C-alpha cells in the first residue's frame, strides 16, 4: 500500500495480514479521493474503523486540516501509529481506541466535514456503522461507507441521504449527505 497523492505521495504503508483487517485498496482509495477532491483541503476528517490508517493519512497528504482515527483493535492503533511515523506525520491527528459508537459519545457532535467508515463486511455491521455515525451529522457533512457489493447500502441512514454509489470489484462506496433544509 502506498499514499497516492499529495505531500506524502509514494510513501509506503505497512499492511499486515490478520483476520478481520481488510485495507481499502489503492485503486478504491484513489477513486474515493478523486470524488472528494474539492472537499478535502482544510477538512476535518473522521477515519472510522481505520485499520491501517491509509484513508486518513491520504486525507492528511491531500491537505485535510485534521484527521481523527477510530479503531477498537489495539493492533490497528499500533499500526496507525507506525504508519504515521513512517510518513513523518507528527500533528493534525488524533487516534481513539474505541468502537465507533463509544468514540461518538466522547467526541463533539457535528465536528467533521468528511466521515469515512470501513466496517467489517456484512449487512448488520453496515447498519450498525451507519447508526453510530448519526452524531457526526451536520449540514454539509459527507459520509462515505465502504461495504461489500453484495450488501446494498440503505437509501436513508438516520439524518443521511444516500447520494451516490461506486462499485469496484467486490467492494462498493456509498456516499451520503445531510440534506440542507431550506428555511421558509
Protein backbone atom coordinates (compact mmCIF):
# COMPACT_ATOMS: atom_id res chain seq x y z
CA UNK A 1 0.00 0.00 0.00
CA UNK A 2 1.14 3.50 -0.74
CA UNK A 3 -0.04 7.09 -0.47
CA UNK A 4 -1.38 8.06 -3.88
CA UNK A 5 -1.16 11.86 -3.99
CA UNK A 6 -0.31 15.00 -2.07
CA UNK A 7 2.65 15.87 0.13
CA UNK A 8 3.22 12.24 1.15
CA UNK A 9 2.81 10.77 -2.35
CA UNK A 10 4.61 7.48 -2.81
CA UNK A 11 5.15 6.74 0.90
CA UNK A 12 4.64 3.06 1.66
CA UNK A 13 2.35 1.92 4.45
CA UNK A 14 2.56 -1.28 6.41
CA UNK A 15 -0.46 -3.56 5.96
CA UNK A 16 -0.01 -6.80 7.87
CA UNK A 17 -2.40 -9.65 7.34
CA UNK A 18 -4.55 -10.62 10.31
CA UNK A 19 -8.14 -11.86 10.39
CA UNK A 20 -10.60 -9.01 10.07
CA UNK A 21 -8.13 -6.50 8.56
CA UNK A 22 -9.23 -5.55 5.05
CA UNK A 23 -7.43 -2.39 3.94
CA UNK A 24 -9.08 -0.18 1.34
CA UNK A 25 -7.25 -0.92 -1.90
CA UNK A 26 -5.10 1.75 -3.54
CA UNK A 27 -7.49 1.76 -6.52
CA UNK A 28 -10.60 2.27 -4.40
CA UNK A 29 -8.84 4.92 -2.28
CA UNK A 30 -7.85 6.76 -5.45
CA UNK A 31 -11.47 6.68 -6.64
CA UNK A 32 -12.67 7.90 -3.24
CA UNK A 33 -10.30 10.87 -3.23
CA UNK A 34 -10.99 11.74 -6.88
CA UNK A 35 -14.66 12.09 -5.93
CA UNK A 36 -13.92 14.03 -2.71
CA UNK A 37 -11.09 16.12 -4.19
CA UNK A 38 -12.66 19.54 -3.66
CA UNK A 39 -13.82 18.70 -0.12
CA UNK A 40 -10.54 17.51 1.45
CA UNK A 41 -8.41 20.67 1.61
CA UNK A 42 -8.92 22.10 5.09
CA UNK A 43 -11.48 19.44 6.05
CA UNK A 44 -11.91 17.79 9.42
CA UNK A 45 -11.98 14.06 8.64
CA UNK A 46 -13.02 11.03 10.65
CA UNK A 47 -11.48 7.70 9.59
CA UNK A 48 -13.75 5.20 11.35
CA UNK A 49 -12.76 1.53 11.53
CA UNK A 50 -9.38 2.94 10.49
CA UNK A 51 -7.38 -0.32 10.33
CA UNK A 52 -4.10 0.71 8.69
CA UNK A 53 -4.96 4.42 8.73
CA UNK A 54 -4.46 4.63 4.96
CA UNK A 55 -7.59 6.68 4.26
CA UNK A 56 -6.87 9.22 6.99
CA UNK A 57 -3.18 9.51 6.08
CA UNK A 58 -4.18 10.02 2.43
CA UNK A 59 -6.51 12.81 3.60
CA UNK A 60 -3.67 14.46 5.55
CA UNK A 61 -1.42 14.15 2.50
CA UNK A 62 -4.06 15.95 0.43
CA UNK A 63 -4.43 18.87 2.85
CA UNK A 64 -7.02 17.88 5.44
CA UNK A 65 -6.84 20.18 8.46
CA UNK A 66 -7.16 17.28 10.91
CA UNK A 67 -7.94 13.57 10.95
CA UNK A 68 -9.36 11.53 13.81
CA UNK A 69 -8.64 7.81 13.51
CA UNK A 70 -11.00 5.45 15.35
CA UNK A 71 -10.44 1.72 15.77
CA UNK A 72 -11.08 -0.58 18.70
CA UNK A 73 -8.37 -3.15 17.87
CA UNK A 74 -5.11 -2.38 19.74
CA UNK A 75 -3.14 -3.90 16.84
CA UNK A 76 -4.77 -1.41 14.46
CA UNK A 77 -3.99 1.50 16.79
CA UNK A 78 -0.31 0.46 16.88
CA UNK A 79 -0.35 0.04 13.08
CA UNK A 80 -1.82 3.53 12.57
CA UNK A 81 0.82 4.99 14.89
CA UNK A 82 3.57 3.17 12.95
CA UNK A 83 2.22 4.30 9.57
CA UNK A 84 2.03 7.91 10.78
CA UNK A 85 5.67 7.64 11.97
CA UNK A 86 6.66 6.12 8.61
CA UNK A 87 5.18 9.15 6.91
CA UNK A 88 6.70 11.58 9.45
CA UNK A 89 3.24 12.89 10.38
CA UNK A 90 3.53 14.40 13.84
CA UNK A 91 0.49 16.66 14.10
CA UNK A 92 -3.05 17.28 12.84
CA UNK A 93 -4.30 13.89 14.01
CA UNK A 94 -5.81 12.06 16.96
CA UNK A 95 -6.22 8.33 17.49
CA UNK A 96 -9.07 6.95 19.56
CA UNK A 97 -9.05 3.30 20.57
CA UNK A 98 -12.76 2.55 20.83
CA UNK A 99 -15.70 1.29 18.85
CA UNK A 100 -17.31 3.94 16.68
CA UNK A 101 -20.39 4.32 18.91
CA UNK A 102 -18.21 4.77 22.01
CA UNK A 103 -16.00 7.27 20.18
CA UNK A 104 -19.08 9.19 19.04
CA UNK A 105 -20.15 9.56 22.66
CA UNK A 106 -16.75 11.10 23.52
CA UNK A 107 -16.43 13.40 20.50
CA UNK A 108 -18.19 16.68 19.95
CA UNK A 109 -21.24 16.21 17.72
CA UNK A 110 -21.14 17.53 14.18
CA UNK A 111 -17.43 18.30 14.20
CA UNK A 112 -16.46 16.52 10.94
CA UNK A 113 -16.73 17.60 7.32
CA UNK A 114 -15.97 14.13 5.92
CA UNK A 115 -16.69 10.84 7.68
CA UNK A 116 -15.27 7.64 6.16
CA UNK A 117 -16.35 4.28 7.56
CA UNK A 118 -14.98 0.89 6.61
CA UNK A 119 -16.76 -1.54 8.95
CA UNK A 120 -16.40 -5.31 8.68
CA UNK A 121 -18.39 -6.52 5.69
CA UNK A 122 -21.93 -7.70 6.37
CA UNK A 123 -25.39 -6.12 6.46
CA UNK A 124 -25.58 -5.94 10.27
CA UNK A 125 -22.15 -4.28 10.53
CA UNK A 126 -23.12 -1.81 7.79
CA UNK A 127 -26.35 -0.85 9.56
CA UNK A 128 -24.55 -0.53 12.91
CA UNK A 129 -21.86 1.70 11.42
CA UNK A 130 -24.42 3.99 9.82
CA UNK A 131 -26.36 4.27 13.10
CA UNK A 132 -23.15 5.05 15.01
CA UNK A 133 -22.32 7.84 12.53
CA UNK A 134 -25.52 9.81 13.23
CA UNK A 135 -23.92 12.08 15.89
CA UNK A 136 -21.42 13.30 13.29
CA UNK A 137 -24.17 14.65 11.06
CA UNK A 138 -24.43 18.31 10.28
CA UNK A 139 -25.48 20.20 7.18
CA UNK A 140 -22.72 19.72 4.62
CA UNK A 141 -21.17 16.60 6.18
CA UNK A 142 -20.30 13.90 3.67
CA UNK A 143 -20.41 10.33 4.91
CA UNK A 144 -18.78 7.59 2.85
CA UNK A 145 -19.11 3.95 3.78
CA UNK A 146 -17.16 1.12 2.20
CA UNK A 147 -19.12 -2.12 2.11
CA UNK A 148 -19.44 -5.41 0.29
CA UNK A 149 -21.01 -5.03 -3.11
CA UNK A 150 -23.44 -7.85 -2.19
CA UNK A 151 -24.76 -5.82 0.78
CA UNK A 152 -26.68 -2.85 -0.63
CA UNK A 153 -26.50 0.32 1.43
CA UNK A 154 -29.81 1.79 2.59
CA UNK A 155 -31.25 4.84 0.86
CA UNK A 156 -31.54 6.67 4.20
CA UNK A 157 -29.48 6.26 7.36
CA UNK A 158 -30.55 8.47 10.24
CA UNK A 159 -30.05 12.07 9.07
CA UNK A 160 -28.10 10.94 5.99
CA UNK A 161 -29.45 10.50 2.45
CA UNK A 162 -27.54 8.31 0.00
CA UNK A 163 -26.42 10.37 -3.00
CA UNK A 164 -24.08 8.08 -4.93
CA UNK A 165 -22.70 4.55 -5.18
CA UNK A 166 -19.43 3.44 -6.75
CA UNK A 167 -18.61 -0.24 -7.26
CA UNK A 168 -15.10 -1.65 -7.63
CA UNK A 169 -14.71 -5.41 -7.66
CA UNK A 170 -16.32 -6.91 -4.56
CA UNK A 171 -16.37 -3.55 -2.76
CA UNK A 172 -18.64 -0.55 -3.01
CA UNK A 173 -18.54 3.01 -1.74
CA UNK A 174 -21.84 4.64 -0.79
CA UNK A 175 -21.86 8.41 -0.38
CA UNK A 176 -24.31 10.12 1.96
CA UNK A 177 -25.06 13.74 2.69
CA UNK A 178 -27.10 15.58 5.28
CA UNK A 179 -29.71 17.50 3.36
CA UNK A 180 -29.58 21.25 3.91
CA UNK A 181 -33.05 22.31 4.96
CA UNK A 182 -34.29 25.49 3.39
CA UNK A 183 -35.86 28.00 5.74
CA UNK A 184 -39.16 29.50 4.71
